[in-house]
Amino acid sequence: MRHSIVGVFANDAAAQNAVRQLDEEAGLKRGDMEVIDGTSDVTPQGRQEGDVARIAHFFRSLIGAGDEENYSEHERYYTEQLRQGRSVVVVNAPDE
């Protein structure tokens, strides 16, 4: 079983540093971690593209169908973090 952990960082450099530390010090694999920085992924028409759309898809797959209210709350929060210029790190860690 795998567990997903999501963290918000002030900027891309802080997010990349966290990934490096998790790789070097915690023994997690870089392939199990993803940095999402979606500051340029909202079109003038408000459509989601690129990383912003990826975070929306991530929460749909994580929370699953039938829990739209819970999914929407998470999607709004993390999308807003991306729009404010923050970066999101997603770690898919194996159960130990």
C-alpha atoms as a PDB file:
ATOM      1  CA  MET A   1       0.000   0.000   0.000  1.00  0.00           C
ATOM      2  CA  ARG A   2       1.212   3.505  -0.783  1.00  0.00           C
ATOM      3  CA  HIS A   3       0.541   6.708   1.090  1.00  0.00           C
ATOM      4  CA  SER A   4       0.383  10.173  -0.449  1.00  0.00           C
ATOM      5  CA  ILE A   5       1.744  13.141   1.456  1.00  0.00           C
ATOM      6  CA  VAL A   6       1.253  16.693   0.191  1.00  0.00           C
ATOM      7  CA  GLY A   7       3.188  19.740   1.365  1.00  0.00           C
ATOM      8  CA  VAL A   8       3.075  23.400   0.406  1.00  0.00           C
ATOM      9  CA  PHE A   9       6.282  25.425   0.190  1.00  0.00           C
ATOM     10  CA  ALA A  10       6.831  29.153  -0.187  1.00  0.00           C
ATOM     11  CA  ASN A  11       8.590  28.792  -3.535  1.00  0.00           C
ATOM     12  CA  ASP A  12      10.150  26.340  -5.969  1.00  0.00           C
ATOM     13  CA  ALA A  13      13.598  26.521  -4.344  1.00  0.00           C
ATOM     14  CA  ALA A  14      12.179  25.493  -0.953  1.00  0.00           C
ATOM     15  CA  ALA A  15      10.205  22.672  -2.572  1.00  0.00           C
ATOM     16  CA  GLN A  16      13.271  21.408  -4.463  1.00  0.00           C
ATOM     17  CA  ASN A  17      15.297  21.558  -1.241  1.00  0.00           C
ATOM     18  CA  ALA A  18      12.672  19.456   0.544  1.00  0.00           C
ATOM     19  CA  VAL A  19      12.779  16.859  -2.244  1.00  0.00           C
ATOM     20  CA  ARG A  20      16.581  16.776  -2.068  1.00  0.00           C
ATOM     21  CA  GLN A  21      16.514  16.284   1.695  1.00  0.00           C
ATOM     22  CA  LEU A  22      13.888  13.553   1.477  1.00  0.00           C
ATOM     23  CA  ASP A  23      16.019  11.823  -1.149  1.00  0.00           C
ATOM     24  CA  GLU A  24      19.356  12.153   0.634  1.00  0.00           C
ATOM     25  CA  GLU A  25      18.353  11.950   4.288  1.00  0.00           C
ATOM     26  CA  ALA A  26      15.086  10.010   4.438  1.00  0.00           C
ATOM     27  CA  GLY A  27      15.880   7.544   1.675  1.00  0.00           C
ATOM     28  CA  LEU A  28      12.825   8.273  -0.440  1.00  0.00           C
ATOM     29  CA  LYS A  29      13.223   7.896  -4.187  1.00  0.00           C
ATOM     30  CA  ARG A  30      13.001  11.001  -6.380  1.00  0.00           C
ATOM     31  CA  GLY A  31      10.706   9.062  -8.673  1.00  0.00           C
ATOM     32  CA  ASP A  32       8.189   8.915  -5.820  1.00  0.00           C
ATOM     33  CA  MET A  33       8.206  12.697  -5.395  1.00  0.00           C
ATOM     34  CA  GLU A  34       6.843  15.456  -7.576  1.00  0.00           C
ATOM     35  CA  VAL A  35       7.141  19.238  -7.391  1.00  0.00           C
ATOM     36  CA  ILE A  36       4.168  21.125  -8.784  1.00  0.00           C
ATOM     37  CA  ASP A  37       4.544  24.848  -9.448  1.00  0.00           C
ATOM     38  CA  GLY A  38       1.492  26.129 -11.287  1.00  0.00           C
ATOM     39  CA  THR A  39       1.881  29.896 -11.241  1.00  0.00           C
ATOM     40  CA  SER A  40       1.546  30.189 -15.019  1.00  0.00           C
ATOM     41  CA  ASP A  41      -1.018  27.479 -15.619  1.00  0.00           C
ATOM     42  CA  VAL A  42      -4.293  29.387 -15.394  1.00  0.00           C
ATOM     43  CA  THR A  43      -5.424  30.862 -18.686  1.00  0.00           C
ATOM     44  CA  PRO A  44      -7.001  34.322 -18.913  1.00  0.00           C
ATOM     45  CA  GLN A  45     -10.332  32.516 -19.403  1.00  0.00           C
ATOM     46  CA  GLY A  46      -9.818  30.743 -16.063  1.00  0.00           C
ATOM     47  CA  ARG A  47      -9.228  27.294 -17.565  1.00  0.00           C
ATOM     48  CA  GLN A  48      -6.808  25.077 -15.743  1.00  0.00           C
ATOM     49  CA  GLU A  49      -3.857  23.763 -17.692  1.00  0.00           C
ATOM     50  CA  GLY A  50      -0.524  22.207 -16.864  1.00  0.00           C
ATOM     51  CA  ASP A  51       0.337  21.891 -13.185  1.00  0.00           C
ATOM     52  CA  VAL A  52      -2.892  23.399 -11.869  1.00  0.00           C
ATOM     53  CA  ALA A  53      -4.848  20.778 -13.784  1.00  0.00           C
ATOM     54  CA  ARG A  54      -2.472  18.098 -12.500  1.00  0.00           C
ATOM     55  CA  ILE A  55      -3.170  19.010  -8.872  1.00  0.00           C
ATOM     56  CA  ALA A  56      -6.908  18.861  -9.574  1.00  0.00           C
ATOM     57  CA  HIS A  57      -6.526  15.429 -11.186  1.00  0.00           C
ATOM     58  CA  PHE A  58      -4.334  14.261  -8.295  1.00  0.00           C
ATOM     59  CA  PHE A  59      -7.016  15.014  -5.718  1.00  0.00           C
ATOM     60  CA  ARG A  60      -9.728  13.423  -7.829  1.00  0.00           C
ATOM     61  CA  SER A  61      -7.684  10.218  -8.033  1.00  0.00           C
ATOM     62  CA  LEU A  62      -6.669  10.330  -4.360  1.00  0.00           C
ATOM     63  CA  ILE A  63     -10.078  11.020  -2.864  1.00  0.00           C
ATOM     64  CA  GLY A  64     -12.076   9.153  -5.460  1.00  0.00           C
ATOM     65  CA  ALA A  65     -15.446   9.516  -7.027  1.00  0.00           C
ATOM     66  CA  GLY A  66     -18.467  10.113  -4.867  1.00  0.00           C
ATOM     67  CA  ASP A  67     -16.772  12.515  -2.449  1.00  0.00           C
ATOM     68  CA  GLU A  68     -17.041  15.682  -4.526  1.00  0.00           C
ATOM     69  CA  GLU A  69     -17.402  17.997  -1.520  1.00  0.00           C
ATOM     70  CA  ASN A  70     -14.183  16.778   0.110  1.00  0.00           C
ATOM     71  CA  TYR A  71     -12.335  16.766  -3.213  1.00  0.00           C
ATOM     72  CA  SER A  72     -13.473  20.302  -4.056  1.00  0.00           C
ATOM     73  CA  GLU A  73     -12.243  21.656  -0.732  1.00  0.00           C
ATOM     74  CA  HIS A  74      -8.759  20.217  -1.268  1.00  0.00           C
ATOM     75  CA  GLU A  75      -8.622  21.202  -4.909  1.00  0.00           C
ATOM     76  CA  ARG A  76      -9.558  24.805  -4.103  1.00  0.00           C
ATOM     77  CA  TYR A  77      -6.971  25.034  -1.316  1.00  0.00           C
ATOM     78  CA  TYR A  78      -4.025  23.666  -3.294  1.00  0.00           C
ATOM     79  CA  THR A  79      -4.986  25.440  -6.513  1.00  0.00           C
ATOM     80  CA  GLU A  80      -5.057  28.715  -4.601  1.00  0.00           C
ATOM     81  CA  GLN A  81      -1.624  27.960  -3.137  1.00  0.00           C
ATOM     82  CA  LEU A  82      -0.282  27.452  -6.668  1.00  0.00           C
ATOM     83  CA  ARG A  83      -1.924  30.649  -7.895  1.00  0.00           C
ATOM     84  CA  GLN A  84      -0.236  32.552  -5.061  1.00  0.00           C
ATOM     85  CA  GLY A  85       3.164  31.375  -6.320  1.00  0.00           C
ATOM     86  CA  ARG A  86       3.775  28.595  -3.849  1.00  0.00           C
ATOM     87  CA  SER A  87       4.944  25.132  -4.805  1.00  0.00           C
ATOM     88  CA  VAL A  88       3.394  21.810  -3.854  1.00  0.00           C
ATOM     89  CA  VAL A  89       5.362  18.637  -3.228  1.00  0.00           C
ATOM     90  CA  VAL A  90       3.560  15.315  -3.564  1.00  0.00           C
ATOM     91  CA  VAL A  91       5.255  12.265  -2.087  1.00  0.00           C
ATOM     92  CA  ASN A  92       3.924   8.788  -2.856  1.00  0.00           C
ATOM     93  CA  ALA A  93       5.575   6.747  -0.117  1.00  0.00           C
ATOM     94  CA  PRO A  94       5.391   2.980   0.221  1.00  0.00           C
ATOM     95  CA  ASP A  95       3.956   1.493   3.379  1.00  0.00           C
ATOM     96  CA  GLU A  96       6.743   0.118   5.534  1.00  0.00           C
END
